[in-house]
Amino acid sequence: MVDPITLRRWMFRLLYLAIAVFVVFLRILPLDLSAGRWPGPDLLIVVAFAWVLRRPDYVPVLLVAGVLLAADMLFLRPPGLWTALGVIGLEFLRSREQLSRDLPFMFEWAMVAIVLLAMTIAYRVILLVFVVGQPSFGLSLIELFATVLSYPFVVAVSRWVFGVRKIAPGEVDQLGHAI
């Protein structure tokens, strides 16, 4: 018989993978071919950040790295750069998950915004150092702004639709082990 805790973890890992496949599928569809389209939020990284601050065991680093690397390839970004920055940001937030349990949502949102800002700046600086073409600074800021603004919506959907909630201080699993 499968342990229910392990089964729940794997179900959420598969759910994250399904969400990632759905988001990538929607982004590669040629729905609007007109020029001047504004960039949308990076939902792959936002979902990973929201889930790692609630249940870090639902989003293992190798799963997120694989999803982001596949997205790099499909979206024709420099392979591995956004993946590496995403993994660094994810692990930074994972190390602060216990701290964020007690913080109000506004502080958590600010922490995620700062991590996303640092990732965006590092991405642009690295592309600049290696003289790689990149979108305009304004488009990068719009994408960053859209990503930061989408965070509360992703958290709400994660909480109310998928049931991914923060671990309460002192919470134990079904076997009585501290989470």
C-alpha atoms as a PDB file:
ATOM      1  CA  MET A   1       0.000   0.000   0.000  1.00  0.00           C
ATOM      2  CA  VAL A   2       1.218   3.480  -0.876  1.00  0.00           C
ATOM      3  CA  ASP A   3       1.765   5.961   1.909  1.00  0.00           C
ATOM      4  CA  PRO A   4      -0.930   8.695   1.608  1.00  0.00           C
ATOM      5  CA  ILE A   5       1.583  11.481   2.255  1.00  0.00           C
ATOM      6  CA  THR A   6       3.868  10.252  -0.517  1.00  0.00           C
ATOM      7  CA  LEU A   7       0.921   9.797  -2.853  1.00  0.00           C
ATOM      8  CA  ARG A   8      -0.248  13.368  -2.160  1.00  0.00           C
ATOM      9  CA  ARG A   9       3.253  14.732  -2.859  1.00  0.00           C
ATOM     10  CA  TRP A  10       3.461  12.900  -6.169  1.00  0.00           C
ATOM     11  CA  MET A  11      -0.032  13.993  -7.157  1.00  0.00           C
ATOM     12  CA  PHE A  12       0.917  17.638  -6.621  1.00  0.00           C
ATOM     13  CA  ARG A  13       4.170  17.153  -8.508  1.00  0.00           C
ATOM     14  CA  LEU A  14       2.203  15.742 -11.420  1.00  0.00           C
ATOM     15  CA  LEU A  15      -0.266  18.624 -11.091  1.00  0.00           C
ATOM     16  CA  TYR A  16       2.609  21.130 -11.314  1.00  0.00           C
ATOM     17  CA  LEU A  17       3.877  19.341 -14.413  1.00  0.00           C
ATOM     18  CA  ALA A  18       0.372  19.393 -15.942  1.00  0.00           C
ATOM     19  CA  ILE A  19       0.025  23.116 -15.203  1.00  0.00           C
ATOM     20  CA  ALA A  20       3.428  23.736 -16.788  1.00  0.00           C
ATOM     21  CA  VAL A  21       2.509  21.772 -19.918  1.00  0.00           C
ATOM     22  CA  PHE A  22      -0.778  23.694 -20.168  1.00  0.00           C
ATOM     23  CA  VAL A  23       0.942  27.087 -19.755  1.00  0.00           C
ATOM     24  CA  VAL A  24       3.620  26.243 -22.336  1.00  0.00           C
ATOM     25  CA  PHE A  25       0.960  24.961 -24.732  1.00  0.00           C
ATOM     26  CA  LEU A  26      -1.014  28.204 -24.424  1.00  0.00           C
ATOM     27  CA  ARG A  27       2.079  30.341 -24.969  1.00  0.00           C
ATOM     28  CA  ILE A  28       3.176  28.571 -28.136  1.00  0.00           C
ATOM     29  CA  LEU A  29      -0.272  28.726 -29.732  1.00  0.00           C
ATOM     30  CA  PRO A  30      -0.402  31.338 -32.499  1.00  0.00           C
ATOM     31  CA  LEU A  31      -3.446  33.108 -31.063  1.00  0.00           C
ATOM     32  CA  ASP A  32      -2.421  36.686 -31.877  1.00  0.00           C
ATOM     33  CA  LEU A  33      -0.058  37.347 -34.737  1.00  0.00           C
ATOM     34  CA  SER A  34      -0.223  41.142 -34.604  1.00  0.00           C
ATOM     35  CA  ALA A  35       2.841  43.168 -33.749  1.00  0.00           C
ATOM     36  CA  GLY A  36       3.108  45.129 -30.516  1.00  0.00           C
ATOM     37  CA  ARG A  37       1.712  42.499 -28.189  1.00  0.00           C
ATOM     38  CA  TRP A  38       2.601  43.072 -24.552  1.00  0.00           C
ATOM     39  CA  PRO A  39       4.376  40.287 -22.695  1.00  0.00           C
ATOM     40  CA  GLY A  40       2.380  38.366 -20.130  1.00  0.00           C
ATOM     41  CA  PRO A  41       3.485  37.032 -16.772  1.00  0.00           C
ATOM     42  CA  ASP A  42       5.908  34.153 -16.413  1.00  0.00           C
ATOM     43  CA  LEU A  43       3.413  31.769 -14.845  1.00  0.00           C
ATOM     44  CA  LEU A  44       5.844  28.844 -14.695  1.00  0.00           C
ATOM     45  CA  ILE A  45       8.105  30.609 -12.226  1.00  0.00           C
ATOM     46  CA  VAL A  46       5.227  32.230 -10.309  1.00  0.00           C
ATOM     47  CA  VAL A  47       3.500  28.889  -9.685  1.00  0.00           C
ATOM     48  CA  ALA A  48       6.797  27.375  -8.552  1.00  0.00           C
ATOM     49  CA  PHE A  49       7.459  30.305  -6.186  1.00  0.00           C
ATOM     50  CA  ALA A  50       3.927  30.237  -4.769  1.00  0.00           C
ATOM     51  CA  TRP A  51       4.057  26.509  -4.149  1.00  0.00           C
ATOM     52  CA  VAL A  52       7.570  26.473  -2.692  1.00  0.00           C
ATOM     53  CA  LEU A  53       6.508  29.043  -0.095  1.00  0.00           C
ATOM     54  CA  ARG A  54       3.520  26.886   0.845  1.00  0.00           C
ATOM     55  CA  ARG A  55       4.624  23.288   0.428  1.00  0.00           C
ATOM     56  CA  PRO A  56       8.296  23.010  -0.564  1.00  0.00           C
ATOM     57  CA  ASP A  57       8.045  19.249  -0.991  1.00  0.00           C
ATOM     58  CA  TYR A  58       5.516  19.659  -3.838  1.00  0.00           C
ATOM     59  CA  VAL A  59       8.042  21.318  -6.174  1.00  0.00           C
ATOM     60  CA  PRO A  60      11.404  19.544  -6.165  1.00  0.00           C
ATOM     61  CA  VAL A  61      14.248  21.484  -7.710  1.00  0.00           C
ATOM     62  CA  LEU A  62      14.905  18.957 -10.488  1.00  0.00           C
ATOM     63  CA  LEU A  63      11.272  19.100 -11.627  1.00  0.00           C
ATOM     64  CA  VAL A  64      11.299  22.901 -11.775  1.00  0.00           C
ATOM     65  CA  ALA A  65      14.700  22.905 -13.506  1.00  0.00           C
ATOM     66  CA  GLY A  66      13.441  20.456 -16.129  1.00  0.00           C
ATOM     67  CA  VAL A  67      10.286  22.475 -16.748  1.00  0.00           C
ATOM     68  CA  LEU A  68      12.186  25.762 -17.021  1.00  0.00           C
ATOM     69  CA  LEU A  69      14.841  24.244 -19.291  1.00  0.00           C
ATOM     70  CA  ALA A  70      12.165  22.838 -21.600  1.00  0.00           C
ATOM     71  CA  ALA A  71      10.507  26.272 -21.603  1.00  0.00           C
ATOM     72  CA  ASP A  72      13.847  27.889 -22.478  1.00  0.00           C
ATOM     73  CA  MET A  73      14.128  25.617 -25.485  1.00  0.00           C
ATOM     74  CA  LEU A  74      10.534  26.086 -26.629  1.00  0.00           C
ATOM     75  CA  PHE A  75      10.473  29.866 -26.133  1.00  0.00           C
ATOM     76  CA  LEU A  76      13.865  30.271 -27.858  1.00  0.00           C
ATOM     77  CA  ARG A  77      15.571  31.845 -24.879  1.00  0.00           C
ATOM     78  CA  PRO A  78      19.258  31.245 -24.159  1.00  0.00           C
ATOM     79  CA  PRO A  79      19.205  27.639 -22.915  1.00  0.00           C
ATOM     80  CA  GLY A  80      19.727  27.308 -19.200  1.00  0.00           C
ATOM     81  CA  LEU A  81      20.140  30.958 -18.241  1.00  0.00           C
ATOM     82  CA  TRP A  82      16.595  31.641 -17.032  1.00  0.00           C
ATOM     83  CA  THR A  83      16.553  28.083 -15.680  1.00  0.00           C
ATOM     84  CA  ALA A  84      19.636  28.709 -13.554  1.00  0.00           C
ATOM     85  CA  LEU A  85      18.292  32.027 -12.282  1.00  0.00           C
ATOM     86  CA  GLY A  86      14.922  30.417 -11.578  1.00  0.00           C
ATOM     87  CA  VAL A  87      16.513  27.592  -9.606  1.00  0.00           C
ATOM     88  CA  ILE A  88      18.609  30.067  -7.601  1.00  0.00           C
ATOM     89  CA  GLY A  89      15.492  32.137  -6.849  1.00  0.00           C
ATOM     90  CA  LEU A  90      13.489  29.024  -5.988  1.00  0.00           C
ATOM     91  CA  GLU A  91      16.120  27.731  -3.591  1.00  0.00           C
ATOM     92  CA  PHE A  92      16.472  31.177  -2.003  1.00  0.00           C
ATOM     93  CA  LEU A  93      12.741  31.196  -1.323  1.00  0.00           C
ATOM     94  CA  ARG A  94      12.779  27.563  -0.198  1.00  0.00           C
ATOM     95  CA  SER A  95      15.378  28.425   2.433  1.00  0.00           C
ATOM     96  CA  ARG A  96      13.069  31.171   3.721  1.00  0.00           C
ATOM     97  CA  GLU A  97       9.881  29.091   3.728  1.00  0.00           C
ATOM     98  CA  GLN A  98       9.801  28.700   7.515  1.00  0.00           C
ATOM     99  CA  LEU A  99      10.288  32.444   7.945  1.00  0.00           C
ATOM    100  CA  SER A 100       7.469  33.207   5.518  1.00  0.00           C
ATOM    101  CA  ARG A 101       5.004  31.016   7.430  1.00  0.00           C
ATOM    102  CA  ASP A 102       4.591  33.753  10.020  1.00  0.00           C
ATOM    103  CA  LEU A 103       4.773  36.718   7.650  1.00  0.00           C
ATOM    104  CA  PRO A 104       1.697  38.491   6.324  1.00  0.00           C
ATOM    105  CA  PHE A 105       0.989  38.015   2.637  1.00  0.00           C
ATOM    106  CA  MET A 106       2.192  41.511   1.697  1.00  0.00           C
ATOM    107  CA  PHE A 107       5.711  40.739   2.971  1.00  0.00           C
ATOM    108  CA  GLU A 108       5.729  37.406   1.141  1.00  0.00           C
ATOM    109  CA  TRP A 109       4.618  39.174  -2.042  1.00  0.00           C
ATOM    110  CA  ALA A 110       7.361  41.788  -1.605  1.00  0.00           C
ATOM    111  CA  MET A 111       9.953  39.053  -1.064  1.00  0.00           C
ATOM    112  CA  VAL A 112       8.871  37.301  -4.275  1.00  0.00           C
ATOM    113  CA  ALA A 113       8.889  40.639  -6.143  1.00  0.00           C
ATOM    114  CA  ILE A 114      12.449  41.361  -5.009  1.00  0.00           C
ATOM    115  CA  VAL A 115      13.594  37.895  -6.083  1.00  0.00           C
ATOM    116  CA  LEU A 116      11.938  38.348  -9.484  1.00  0.00           C
ATOM    117  CA  LEU A 117      13.525  41.787  -9.859  1.00  0.00           C
ATOM    118  CA  ALA A 118      16.955  40.384  -9.013  1.00  0.00           C
ATOM    119  CA  MET A 119      16.453  37.551 -11.508  1.00  0.00           C
ATOM    120  CA  THR A 120      15.417  39.981 -14.248  1.00  0.00           C
ATOM    121  CA  ILE A 121      18.373  42.281 -13.627  1.00  0.00           C
ATOM    122  CA  ALA A 122      20.810  39.362 -13.553  1.00  0.00           C
ATOM    123  CA  TYR A 123      19.313  37.970 -16.766  1.00  0.00           C
ATOM    124  CA  ARG A 124      19.692  41.277 -18.581  1.00  0.00           C
ATOM    125  CA  VAL A 125      23.221  41.880 -17.261  1.00  0.00           C
ATOM    126  CA  ILE A 126      24.391  38.410 -18.295  1.00  0.00           C
ATOM    127  CA  LEU A 127      22.891  38.843 -21.762  1.00  0.00           C
ATOM    128  CA  LEU A 128      24.553  42.264 -21.988  1.00  0.00           C
ATOM    129  CA  VAL A 129      27.965  40.898 -20.964  1.00  0.00           C
ATOM    130  CA  PHE A 130      27.798  38.189 -23.635  1.00  0.00           C
ATOM    131  CA  VAL A 131      26.378  40.609 -26.225  1.00  0.00           C
ATOM    132  CA  VAL A 132      23.238  38.592 -26.815  1.00  0.00           C
ATOM    133  CA  GLY A 133      20.229  40.329 -28.340  1.00  0.00           C
ATOM    134  CA  GLN A 134      17.460  40.971 -25.861  1.00  0.00           C
ATOM    135  CA  PRO A 135      14.070  42.644 -25.800  1.00  0.00           C
ATOM    136  CA  SER A 136      13.825  46.292 -24.863  1.00  0.00           C
ATOM    137  CA  PHE A 137      14.140  47.275 -21.241  1.00  0.00           C
ATOM    138  CA  GLY A 138      10.548  48.515 -21.234  1.00  0.00           C
ATOM    139  CA  LEU A 139       9.198  45.127 -22.333  1.00  0.00           C
ATOM    140  CA  SER A 140      11.240  43.415 -19.628  1.00  0.00           C
ATOM    141  CA  LEU A 141       9.786  45.789 -17.043  1.00  0.00           C
ATOM    142  CA  ILE A 142       6.252  45.141 -18.299  1.00  0.00           C
ATOM    143  CA  GLU A 143       6.816  41.392 -18.046  1.00  0.00           C
ATOM    144  CA  LEU A 144       8.252  41.793 -14.537  1.00  0.00           C
ATOM    145  CA  PHE A 145       5.319  43.984 -13.510  1.00  0.00           C
ATOM    146  CA  ALA A 146       2.800  41.501 -14.958  1.00  0.00           C
ATOM    147  CA  THR A 147       4.558  38.613 -13.218  1.00  0.00           C
ATOM    148  CA  VAL A 148       4.576  40.365  -9.845  1.00  0.00           C
ATOM    149  CA  LEU A 149       0.922  41.362 -10.232  1.00  0.00           C
ATOM    150  CA  SER A 150      -0.076  37.802 -11.134  1.00  0.00           C
ATOM    151  CA  TYR A 151       1.409  36.374  -7.925  1.00  0.00           C
ATOM    152  CA  PRO A 152      -1.653  37.025  -5.696  1.00  0.00           C
ATOM    153  CA  PHE A 153      -3.946  35.466  -8.294  1.00  0.00           C
ATOM    154  CA  VAL A 154      -1.753  32.382  -8.584  1.00  0.00           C
ATOM    155  CA  VAL A 155      -1.673  32.070  -4.792  1.00  0.00           C
ATOM    156  CA  ALA A 156      -5.464  32.402  -4.623  1.00  0.00           C
ATOM    157  CA  VAL A 157      -6.014  29.776  -7.316  1.00  0.00           C
ATOM    158  CA  SER A 158      -3.448  27.491  -5.679  1.00  0.00           C
ATOM    159  CA  ARG A 159      -5.165  27.837  -2.333  1.00  0.00           C
ATOM    160  CA  TRP A 160      -8.837  27.733  -3.293  1.00  0.00           C
ATOM    161  CA  VAL A 161      -8.788  25.499  -6.378  1.00  0.00           C
ATOM    162  CA  PHE A 162      -5.872  23.135  -5.781  1.00  0.00           C
ATOM    163  CA  GLY A 163      -5.719  23.227  -1.976  1.00  0.00           C
ATOM    164  CA  VAL A 164      -2.054  24.220  -1.680  1.00  0.00           C
ATOM    165  CA  ARG A 165      -1.934  26.084   1.612  1.00  0.00           C
ATOM    166  CA  LYS A 166       0.826  27.215   3.916  1.00  0.00           C
ATOM    167  CA  ILE A 167       2.030  24.858   6.571  1.00  0.00           C
ATOM    168  CA  ALA A 168       0.786  26.120   9.909  1.00  0.00           C
ATOM    169  CA  PRO A 169       3.398  26.518  12.667  1.00  0.00           C
ATOM    170  CA  GLY A 170       3.484  23.292  14.667  1.00  0.00           C
ATOM    171  CA  GLU A 171       1.499  21.329  12.074  1.00  0.00           C
ATOM    172  CA  VAL A 172       2.093  17.584  11.971  1.00  0.00           C
ATOM    173  CA  ASP A 173       1.356  15.012   9.306  1.00  0.00           C
ATOM    174  CA  GLN A 174      -0.906  11.977   9.715  1.00  0.00           C
ATOM    175  CA  LEU A 175       1.878  10.052  11.415  1.00  0.00           C
ATOM    176  CA  GLY A 176       2.581  12.761  13.966  1.00  0.00           C
ATOM    177  CA  HIS A 177       5.838  13.976  12.387  1.00  0.00           C
ATOM    178  CA  ALA A 178       6.522  17.715  12.260  1.00  0.00           C
ATOM    179  CA  ILE A 179       6.183  19.158   8.774  1.00  0.00           C
END
